[in-house]
Amino acid sequence: MPTFIKKDDFEENVEEKVNEDENNDFPRVDIQTKNGQLRGFRIQLEPPSLLSQHTRYRLADIFLGIPFAQPPIEKLRLEKPLPPKNWNGTLDG
């Protein structure tokens, strides 16, 4: 089952920027994490009438392809996972 983290609980130093682009169906969301910058998208949760019973949130920021550990190759194969390395630029998810 997926785990959902409230943005307030995620990380204190996460900076968020939303880009509304007319060519995209969903607004792009850029955040800065301790490992580097991520780009995702924001969706509207629908229908609001059903959600109002269970949650007060109407929007969700989606980030795909976030590295959670270094790839288990060569010396790391069958070893305990190591934290991901920092990256340059923006990971587009």
PDB file of N, CA and C in Angstrom:
ATOM      1  N   MET A   1       0.841  -1.175   0.000  1.00  0.00           N
ATOM      2  CA  MET A   1       0.000   0.000   0.000  1.00  0.00           C
ATOM      3  C   MET A   1       0.889   1.243   0.000  1.00  0.00           C
ATOM      4  N   PRO A   2       0.596   2.231  -0.849  1.00  0.00           N
ATOM      5  CA  PRO A   2       1.424   3.436  -0.892  1.00  0.00           C
ATOM      6  C   PRO A   2       1.336   4.236   0.392  1.00  0.00           C
ATOM      7  N   THR A   3       2.404   4.931   0.688  1.00  0.00           N
ATOM      8  CA  THR A   3       2.449   5.803   1.857  1.00  0.00           C
ATOM      9  C   THR A   3       2.352   7.239   1.383  1.00  0.00           C
ATOM     10  N   PHE A   4       1.476   7.995   2.003  1.00  0.00           N
ATOM     11  CA  PHE A   4       1.311   9.397   1.657  1.00  0.00           C
ATOM     12  C   PHE A   4       1.884  10.240   2.776  1.00  0.00           C
ATOM     13  N   ILE A   5       2.664  11.235   2.409  1.00  0.00           N
ATOM     14  CA  ILE A   5       3.313  12.102   3.389  1.00  0.00           C
ATOM     15  C   ILE A   5       2.799  13.513   3.187  1.00  0.00           C
ATOM     16  N   LYS A   6       2.306  14.111   4.261  1.00  0.00           N
ATOM     17  CA  LYS A   6       1.916  15.510   4.180  1.00  0.00           C
ATOM     18  C   LYS A   6       3.153  16.340   3.895  1.00  0.00           C
ATOM     19  N   LYS A   7       3.002  17.359   3.056  1.00  0.00           N
ATOM     20  CA  LYS A   7       4.145  18.199   2.703  1.00  0.00           C
ATOM     21  C   LYS A   7       4.786  18.796   3.945  1.00  0.00           C
ATOM     22  N   ASP A   8       3.973  19.153   4.953  1.00  0.00           N
ATOM     23  CA  ASP A   8       4.508  19.744   6.174  1.00  0.00           C
ATOM     24  C   ASP A   8       5.441  18.779   6.897  1.00  0.00           C
ATOM     25  N   ASP A   9       5.185  17.469   6.769  1.00  0.00           N
ATOM     26  CA  ASP A   9       5.983  16.458   7.456  1.00  0.00           C
ATOM     27  C   ASP A   9       7.148  15.955   6.605  1.00  0.00           C
ATOM     28  N   PHE A  10       7.176  16.295   5.313  1.00  0.00           N
ATOM     29  CA  PHE A  10       8.141  15.714   4.380  1.00  0.00           C
ATOM     30  C   PHE A  10       9.565  16.134   4.702  1.00  0.00           C
ATOM     31  N   GLU A  11       9.829  17.401   4.618  1.00  0.00           N
ATOM     32  CA  GLU A  11      11.173  17.891   4.903  1.00  0.00           C
ATOM     33  C   GLU A  11      11.076  19.394   5.111  1.00  0.00           C
ATOM     34  N   GLU A  12      11.715  19.877   6.146  1.00  0.00           N
ATOM     35  CA  GLU A  12      11.578  21.280   6.509  1.00  0.00           C
ATOM     36  C   GLU A  12      12.129  22.226   5.454  1.00  0.00           C
ATOM     37  N   ASN A  13      13.162  21.818   4.736  1.00  0.00           N
ATOM     38  CA  ASN A  13      13.802  22.752   3.813  1.00  0.00           C
ATOM     39  C   ASN A  13      13.418  22.531   2.352  1.00  0.00           C
ATOM     40  N   VAL A  14      12.268  21.926   2.097  1.00  0.00           N
ATOM     41  CA  VAL A  14      11.811  21.739   0.727  1.00  0.00           C
ATOM     42  C   VAL A  14      11.204  23.046   0.229  1.00  0.00           C
ATOM     43  N   GLU A  15      11.694  23.518  -0.906  1.00  0.00           N
ATOM     44  CA  GLU A  15      11.146  24.719  -1.522  1.00  0.00           C
ATOM     45  C   GLU A  15      10.326  24.295  -2.731  1.00  0.00           C
ATOM     46  N   GLU A  16       9.126  24.884  -2.865  1.00  0.00           N
ATOM     47  CA  GLU A  16       8.220  24.495  -3.937  1.00  0.00           C
ATOM     48  C   GLU A  16       7.965  25.676  -4.861  1.00  0.00           C
ATOM     49  N   LYS A  17       7.896  25.388  -6.162  1.00  0.00           N
ATOM     50  CA  LYS A  17       7.558  26.402  -7.152  1.00  0.00           C
ATOM     51  C   LYS A  17       6.621  25.756  -8.166  1.00  0.00           C
ATOM     52  N   VAL A  18       5.470  26.393  -8.442  1.00  0.00           N
ATOM     53  CA  VAL A  18       4.490  25.857  -9.383  1.00  0.00           C
ATOM     54  C   VAL A  18       4.539  26.681 -10.660  1.00  0.00           C
ATOM     55  N   ASN A  19       4.653  25.995 -11.802  1.00  0.00           N
ATOM     56  CA  ASN A  19       4.672  26.653 -13.111  1.00  0.00           C
ATOM     57  C   ASN A  19       3.399  26.302 -13.861  1.00  0.00           C
ATOM     58  N   GLU A  20       2.558  27.281 -14.107  1.00  0.00           N
ATOM     59  CA  GLU A  20       1.339  27.068 -14.884  1.00  0.00           C
ATOM     60  C   GLU A  20       1.704  27.234 -16.356  1.00  0.00           C
ATOM     61  N   ASP A  21       1.635  26.163 -17.131  1.00  0.00           N
ATOM     62  CA  ASP A  21       1.984  26.195 -18.548  1.00  0.00           C
ATOM     63  C   ASP A  21       0.743  25.846 -19.348  1.00  0.00           C
ATOM     64  N   GLU A  22       0.380  26.682 -20.290  1.00  0.00           N
ATOM     65  CA  GLU A  22      -0.831  26.457 -21.075  1.00  0.00           C
ATOM     66  C   GLU A  22      -0.728  25.205 -21.938  1.00  0.00           C
ATOM     67  N   ASN A  23       0.480  24.755 -22.263  1.00  0.00           N
ATOM     68  CA  ASN A  23       0.657  23.586 -23.120  1.00  0.00           C
ATOM     69  C   ASN A  23       0.536  22.271 -22.357  1.00  0.00           C
ATOM     70  N   ASN A  24       0.593  22.303 -21.034  1.00  0.00           N
ATOM     71  CA  ASN A  24       0.498  21.088 -20.221  1.00  0.00           C
ATOM     72  C   ASN A  24      -0.898  20.949 -19.642  1.00  0.00           C
ATOM     73  N   ASP A  25      -1.340  19.695 -19.489  1.00  0.00           N
ATOM     74  CA  ASP A  25      -2.623  19.443 -18.838  1.00  0.00           C
ATOM     75  C   ASP A  25      -2.538  19.719 -17.349  1.00  0.00           C
ATOM     76  N   PHE A  26      -1.354  19.537 -16.775  1.00  0.00           N
ATOM     77  CA  PHE A  26      -1.175  19.705 -15.336  1.00  0.00           C
ATOM     78  C   PHE A  26      -0.067  20.714 -15.067  1.00  0.00           C
ATOM     79  N   PRO A  27      -0.236  21.562 -14.055  1.00  0.00           N
ATOM     80  CA  PRO A  27       0.846  22.491 -13.695  1.00  0.00           C
ATOM     81  C   PRO A  27       2.077  21.718 -13.223  1.00  0.00           C
ATOM     82  N   ARG A  28       3.255  22.190 -13.595  1.00  0.00           N
ATOM     83  CA  ARG A  28       4.508  21.576 -13.174  1.00  0.00           C
ATOM     84  C   ARG A  28       4.885  22.104 -11.800  1.00  0.00           C
ATOM     85  N   VAL A  29       5.457  21.242 -10.976  1.00  0.00           N
ATOM     86  CA  VAL A  29       5.871  21.604  -9.626  1.00  0.00           C
ATOM     87  C   VAL A  29       7.355  21.287  -9.491  1.00  0.00           C
ATOM     88  N   ASP A  30       8.155  22.265  -9.108  1.00  0.00           N
ATOM     89  CA  ASP A  30       9.584  22.075  -8.868  1.00  0.00           C
ATOM     90  C   ASP A  30       9.839  22.182  -7.373  1.00  0.00           C
ATOM     91  N   ILE A  31      10.594  21.225  -6.829  1.00  0.00           N
ATOM     92  CA  ILE A  31      10.989  21.306  -5.425  1.00  0.00           C
ATOM     93  C   ILE A  31      12.486  21.065  -5.319  1.00  0.00           C
ATOM     94  N   GLN A  32      13.077  21.651  -4.317  1.00  0.00           N
ATOM     95  CA  GLN A  32      14.501  21.456  -4.031  1.00  0.00           C
ATOM     96  C   GLN A  32      14.602  20.553  -2.809  1.00  0.00           C
ATOM     97  N   THR A  33      15.278  19.409  -2.944  1.00  0.00           N
ATOM     98  CA  THR A  33      15.498  18.502  -1.822  1.00  0.00           C
ATOM     99  C   THR A  33      16.979  18.542  -1.462  1.00  0.00           C
ATOM    100  N   LYS A  34      17.359  17.809  -0.437  1.00  0.00           N
ATOM    101  CA  LYS A  34      18.773  17.803  -0.046  1.00  0.00           C
ATOM    102  C   LYS A  34      19.651  17.123  -1.096  1.00  0.00           C
ATOM    103  N   ASN A  35      19.076  16.281  -1.979  1.00  0.00           N
ATOM    104  CA  ASN A  35      19.853  15.595  -3.013  1.00  0.00           C
ATOM    105  C   ASN A  35      19.863  16.319  -4.353  1.00  0.00           C
ATOM    106  N   GLY A  36      18.941  17.235  -4.571  1.00  0.00           N
ATOM    107  CA  GLY A  36      18.868  17.946  -5.843  1.00  0.00           C
ATOM    108  C   GLY A  36      17.448  18.394  -6.131  1.00  0.00           C
ATOM    109  N   GLN A  37      17.239  18.900  -7.333  1.00  0.00           N
ATOM    110  CA  GLN A  37      15.932  19.440  -7.703  1.00  0.00           C
ATOM    111  C   GLN A  37      15.100  18.378  -8.409  1.00  0.00           C
ATOM    112  N   LEU A  38      13.783  18.359  -8.093  1.00  0.00           N
ATOM    113  CA  LEU A  38      12.832  17.438  -8.708  1.00  0.00           C
ATOM    114  C   LEU A  38      11.740  18.233  -9.391  1.00  0.00           C
ATOM    115  N   ARG A  39      11.240  17.706 -10.500  1.00  0.00           N
ATOM    116  CA  ARG A  39      10.101  18.316 -11.183  1.00  0.00           C
ATOM    117  C   ARG A  39       8.999  17.274 -11.278  1.00  0.00           C
ATOM    118  N   GLY A  40       7.819  17.662 -10.858  1.00  0.00           N
ATOM    119  CA  GLY A  40       6.654  16.799 -10.933  1.00  0.00           C
ATOM    120  C   GLY A  40       5.486  17.568 -11.501  1.00  0.00           C
ATOM    121  N   PHE A  41       4.288  17.130 -11.161  1.00  0.00           N
ATOM    122  CA  PHE A  41       3.102  17.824 -11.629  1.00  0.00           C
ATOM    123  C   PHE A  41       2.032  17.793 -10.553  1.00  0.00           C
ATOM    124  N   ARG A  42       1.088  18.698 -10.655  1.00  0.00           N
ATOM    125  CA  ARG A  42       0.004  18.840  -9.678  1.00  0.00           C
ATOM    126  C   ARG A  42      -1.308  18.440 -10.340  1.00  0.00           C
ATOM    127  N   ILE A  43      -2.091  17.611  -9.631  1.00  0.00           N
ATOM    128  CA  ILE A  43      -3.396  17.212 -10.153  1.00  0.00           C
ATOM    129  C   ILE A  43      -4.490  17.641  -9.193  1.00  0.00           C
ATOM    130  N   GLN A  44      -5.669  17.825  -9.758  1.00  0.00           N
ATOM    131  CA  GLN A  44      -6.870  18.124  -8.981  1.00  0.00           C
ATOM    132  C   GLN A  44      -7.506  16.790  -8.617  1.00  0.00           C
ATOM    133  N   LEU A  45      -7.777  16.565  -7.341  1.00  0.00           N
ATOM    134  CA  LEU A  45      -8.442  15.342  -6.903  1.00  0.00           C
ATOM    135  C   LEU A  45      -9.939  15.519  -7.110  1.00  0.00           C
ATOM    136  N   GLU A  46     -10.542  14.575  -7.798  1.00  0.00           N
ATOM    137  CA  GLU A  46     -11.967  14.697  -8.107  1.00  0.00           C
ATOM    138  C   GLU A  46     -12.672  13.398  -7.799  1.00  0.00           C
ATOM    139  N   PRO A  47     -13.952  13.371  -7.620  1.00  0.00           N
ATOM    140  CA  PRO A  47     -14.828  14.525  -7.462  1.00  0.00           C
ATOM    141  C   PRO A  47     -14.761  15.049  -6.033  1.00  0.00           C
ATOM    142  N   PRO A  48     -14.787  16.352  -5.837  1.00  0.00           N
ATOM    143  CA  PRO A  48     -14.674  16.922  -4.492  1.00  0.00           C
ATOM    144  C   PRO A  48     -15.759  16.452  -3.539  1.00  0.00           C
ATOM    145  N   SER A  49     -16.942  16.142  -4.045  1.00  0.00           N
ATOM    146  CA  SER A  49     -18.027  15.730  -3.152  1.00  0.00           C
ATOM    147  C   SER A  49     -17.694  14.434  -2.420  1.00  0.00           C
ATOM    148  N   LEU A  50     -17.027  13.495  -3.098  1.00  0.00           N
ATOM    149  CA  LEU A  50     -16.647  12.239  -2.450  1.00  0.00           C
ATOM    150  C   LEU A  50     -15.482  12.438  -1.490  1.00  0.00           C
ATOM    151  N   LEU A  51     -14.545  13.301  -1.863  1.00  0.00           N
ATOM    152  CA  LEU A  51     -13.367  13.517  -1.033  1.00  0.00           C
ATOM    153  C   LEU A  51     -13.670  14.287   0.238  1.00  0.00           C
ATOM    154  N   SER A  52     -14.686  15.118   0.204  1.00  0.00           N
ATOM    155  CA  SER A  52     -14.956  15.969   1.361  1.00  0.00           C
ATOM    156  C   SER A  52     -15.252  15.153   2.612  1.00  0.00           C
ATOM    157  N   GLN A  53     -15.719  13.924   2.450  1.00  0.00           N
ATOM    158  CA  GLN A  53     -15.992  13.076   3.608  1.00  0.00           C
ATOM    159  C   GLN A  53     -14.703  12.578   4.253  1.00  0.00           C
ATOM    160  N   HIS A  54     -13.643  12.414   3.459  1.00  0.00           N
ATOM    161  CA  HIS A  54     -12.444  11.739   3.938  1.00  0.00           C
ATOM    162  C   HIS A  54     -11.215  12.627   4.097  1.00  0.00           C
ATOM    163  N   THR A  55     -11.165  13.712   3.368  1.00  0.00           N
ATOM    164  CA  THR A  55      -9.959  14.533   3.408  1.00  0.00           C
ATOM    165  C   THR A  55     -10.273  15.982   3.097  1.00  0.00           C
ATOM    166  N   ARG A  56      -9.423  16.851   3.562  1.00  0.00           N
ATOM    167  CA  ARG A  56      -9.592  18.269   3.262  1.00  0.00           C
ATOM    168  C   ARG A  56      -8.723  18.693   2.092  1.00  0.00           C
ATOM    169  N   TYR A  57      -7.917  17.787   1.564  1.00  0.00           N
ATOM    170  CA  TYR A  57      -6.989  18.122   0.487  1.00  0.00           C
ATOM    171  C   TYR A  57      -7.668  17.961  -0.866  1.00  0.00           C
ATOM    172  N   ARG A  58      -7.444  18.900  -1.759  1.00  0.00           N
ATOM    173  CA  ARG A  58      -8.058  18.880  -3.082  1.00  0.00           C
ATOM    174  C   ARG A  58      -7.019  18.751  -4.200  1.00  0.00           C
ATOM    175  N   LEU A  59      -5.748  18.939  -3.865  1.00  0.00           N
ATOM    176  CA  LEU A  59      -4.674  18.862  -4.853  1.00  0.00           C
ATOM    177  C   LEU A  59      -3.639  17.838  -4.411  1.00  0.00           C
ATOM    178  N   ALA A  60      -2.969  17.225  -5.384  1.00  0.00           N
ATOM    179  CA  ALA A  60      -1.880  16.293  -5.073  1.00  0.00           C
ATOM    180  C   ALA A  60      -0.692  16.616  -5.971  1.00  0.00           C
ATOM    181  N   ASP A  61       0.488  16.701  -5.391  1.00  0.00           N
ATOM    182  CA  ASP A  61       1.723  16.883  -6.150  1.00  0.00           C
ATOM    183  C   ASP A  61       2.326  15.504  -6.397  1.00  0.00           C
ATOM    184  N   ILE A  62       2.586  15.181  -7.661  1.00  0.00           N
ATOM    185  CA  ILE A  62       3.054  13.860  -8.066  1.00  0.00           C
ATOM    186  C   ILE A  62       4.495  13.966  -8.564  1.00  0.00           C
ATOM    187  N   PHE A  63       5.376  13.121  -8.029  1.00  0.00           N
ATOM    188  CA  PHE A  63       6.775  13.053  -8.461  1.00  0.00           C
ATOM    189  C   PHE A  63       7.083  11.594  -8.774  1.00  0.00           C
ATOM    190  N   LEU A  64       7.480  11.302 -10.008  1.00  0.00           N
ATOM    191  CA  LEU A  64       7.764   9.939 -10.443  1.00  0.00           C
ATOM    192  C   LEU A  64       9.267   9.759 -10.637  1.00  0.00           C
ATOM    193  N   GLY A  65       9.748   8.552 -10.428  1.00  0.00           N
ATOM    194  CA  GLY A  65      11.150   8.240 -10.693  1.00  0.00           C
ATOM    195  C   GLY A  65      12.135   8.819  -9.703  1.00  0.00           C
ATOM    196  N   ILE A  66      11.709   9.023  -8.468  1.00  0.00           N
ATOM    197  CA  ILE A  66      12.606   9.571  -7.455  1.00  0.00           C
ATOM    198  C   ILE A  66      13.547   8.463  -6.980  1.00  0.00           C
ATOM    199  N   PRO A  67      14.860   8.660  -7.070  1.00  0.00           N
ATOM    200  CA  PRO A  67      15.771   7.623  -6.584  1.00  0.00           C
ATOM    201  C   PRO A  67      15.726   7.532  -5.057  1.00  0.00           C
ATOM    202  N   PHE A  68      15.496   6.337  -4.551  1.00  0.00           N
ATOM    203  CA  PHE A  68      15.443   6.144  -3.099  1.00  0.00           C
ATOM    204  C   PHE A  68      16.722   5.508  -2.570  1.00  0.00           C
ATOM    205  N   ALA A  69      17.548   4.989  -3.481  1.00  0.00           N
ATOM    206  CA  ALA A  69      18.821   4.368  -3.093  1.00  0.00           C
ATOM    207  C   ALA A  69      19.712   4.304  -4.329  1.00  0.00           C
ATOM    208  N   GLN A  70      20.993   4.043  -4.102  1.00  0.00           N
ATOM    209  CA  GLN A  70      21.902   3.837  -5.229  1.00  0.00           C
ATOM    210  C   GLN A  70      21.576   2.495  -5.885  1.00  0.00           C
ATOM    211  N   PRO A  71      21.753   2.367  -7.188  1.00  0.00           N
ATOM    212  CA  PRO A  71      21.448   1.101  -7.854  1.00  0.00           C
ATOM    213  C   PRO A  71      22.303  -0.041  -7.294  1.00  0.00           C
ATOM    214  N   PRO A  72      21.722  -1.226  -7.099  1.00  0.00           N
ATOM    215  CA  PRO A  72      22.465  -2.365  -6.536  1.00  0.00           C
ATOM    216  C   PRO A  72      23.285  -3.091  -7.607  1.00  0.00           C
ATOM    217  N   ILE A  73      24.331  -2.435  -8.094  1.00  0.00           N
ATOM    218  CA  ILE A  73      25.168  -3.049  -9.126  1.00  0.00           C
ATOM    219  C   ILE A  73      26.600  -3.176  -8.616  1.00  0.00           C
ATOM    220  N   GLU A  74      27.349  -4.078  -9.236  1.00  0.00           N
ATOM    221  CA  GLU A  74      28.741  -4.361  -8.903  1.00  0.00           C
ATOM    222  C   GLU A  74      28.903  -4.638  -7.406  1.00  0.00           C
ATOM    223  N   LYS A  75      29.697  -3.839  -6.682  1.00  0.00           N
ATOM    224  CA  LYS A  75      29.972  -4.107  -5.266  1.00  0.00           C
ATOM    225  C   LYS A  75      28.733  -3.949  -4.378  1.00  0.00           C
ATOM    226  N   LEU A  76      27.736  -3.221  -4.839  1.00  0.00           N
ATOM    227  CA  LEU A  76      26.534  -3.002  -4.025  1.00  0.00           C
ATOM    228  C   LEU A  76      25.510  -4.130  -4.166  1.00  0.00           C
ATOM    229  N   ARG A  77      25.759  -5.062  -5.089  1.00  0.00           N
ATOM    230  CA  ARG A  77      24.810  -6.154  -5.295  1.00  0.00           C
ATOM    231  C   ARG A  77      24.695  -6.997  -4.024  1.00  0.00           C
ATOM    232  N   LEU A  78      23.477  -7.269  -3.624  1.00  0.00           N
ATOM    233  CA  LEU A  78      23.138  -8.063  -2.441  1.00  0.00           C
ATOM    234  C   LEU A  78      23.639  -7.429  -1.144  1.00  0.00           C
ATOM    235  N   GLU A  79      23.889  -6.150  -1.156  1.00  0.00           N
ATOM    236  CA  GLU A  79      24.303  -5.420   0.044  1.00  0.00           C
ATOM    237  C   GLU A  79      23.165  -4.519   0.514  1.00  0.00           C
ATOM    238  N   LYS A  80      23.338  -4.004   1.703  1.00  0.00           N
ATOM    239  CA  LYS A  80      22.372  -3.060   2.255  1.00  0.00           C
ATOM    240  C   LYS A  80      22.303  -1.817   1.352  1.00  0.00           C
ATOM    241  N   PRO A  81      21.095  -1.301   1.056  1.00  0.00           N
ATOM    242  CA  PRO A  81      20.984  -0.126   0.179  1.00  0.00           C
ATOM    243  C   PRO A  81      21.699   1.092   0.757  1.00  0.00           C
ATOM    244  N   LEU A  82      22.311   1.867  -0.127  1.00  0.00           N
ATOM    245  CA  LEU A  82      22.957   3.119   0.253  1.00  0.00           C
ATOM    246  C   LEU A  82      22.072   4.279  -0.192  1.00  0.00           C
ATOM    247  N   PRO A  83      22.122   5.392   0.526  1.00  0.00           N
ATOM    248  CA  PRO A  83      21.314   6.552   0.125  1.00  0.00           C
ATOM    249  C   PRO A  83      21.679   7.006  -1.289  1.00  0.00           C
ATOM    250  N   PRO A  84      20.748   7.645  -1.986  1.00  0.00           N
ATOM    251  CA  PRO A  84      21.057   8.100  -3.344  1.00  0.00           C
ATOM    252  C   PRO A  84      22.123   9.186  -3.337  1.00  0.00           C
ATOM    253  N   LYS A  85      22.863   9.259  -4.432  1.00  0.00           N
ATOM    254  CA  LYS A  85      23.860  10.323  -4.582  1.00  0.00           C
ATOM    255  C   LYS A  85      23.149  11.606  -5.000  1.00  0.00           C
ATOM    256  N   ASN A  86      23.759  12.729  -4.688  1.00  0.00           N
ATOM    257  CA  ASN A  86      23.222  14.010  -5.139  1.00  0.00           C
ATOM    258  C   ASN A  86      23.314  14.084  -6.659  1.00  0.00           C
ATOM    259  N   TRP A  87      22.422  14.849  -7.282  1.00  0.00           N
ATOM    260  CA  TRP A  87      22.444  15.008  -8.723  1.00  0.00           C
ATOM    261  C   TRP A  87      22.457  16.486  -9.086  1.00  0.00           C
ATOM    262  N   ASN A  88      22.960  16.747 -10.289  1.00  0.00           N
ATOM    263  CA  ASN A  88      22.976  18.106 -10.831  1.00  0.00           C
ATOM    264  C   ASN A  88      21.789  18.264 -11.767  1.00  0.00           C
ATOM    265  N   GLY A  89      21.286  19.458 -11.886  1.00  0.00           N
ATOM    266  CA  GLY A  89      20.146  19.701 -12.760  1.00  0.00           C
ATOM    267  C   GLY A  89      18.847  19.277 -12.096  1.00  0.00           C
ATOM    268  N   THR A  90      17.823  19.096 -12.910  1.00  0.00           N
ATOM    269  CA  THR A  90      16.487  18.764 -12.416  1.00  0.00           C
ATOM    270  C   THR A  90      16.081  17.389 -12.912  1.00  0.00           C
ATOM    271  N   LEU A  91      15.662  16.510 -11.997  1.00  0.00           N
ATOM    272  CA  LEU A  91      15.097  15.217 -12.390  1.00  0.00           C
ATOM    273  C   LEU A  91      13.643  15.446 -12.753  1.00  0.00           C
ATOM    274  N   ASP A  92      13.271  15.077 -13.958  1.00  0.00           N
ATOM    275  CA  ASP A  92      11.906  15.300 -14.434  1.00  0.00           C
ATOM    276  C   ASP A  92      11.090  14.037 -14.224  1.00  0.00           C
ATOM    277  N   GLY A  93      10.092  14.145 -13.364  1.00  0.00           N
ATOM    278  CA  GLY A  93       9.251  12.990 -13.083  1.00  0.00           C
ATOM    279  C   GLY A  93       7.847  13.271 -13.446  1.00  0.00           C
TER     280      GLY A  93
END
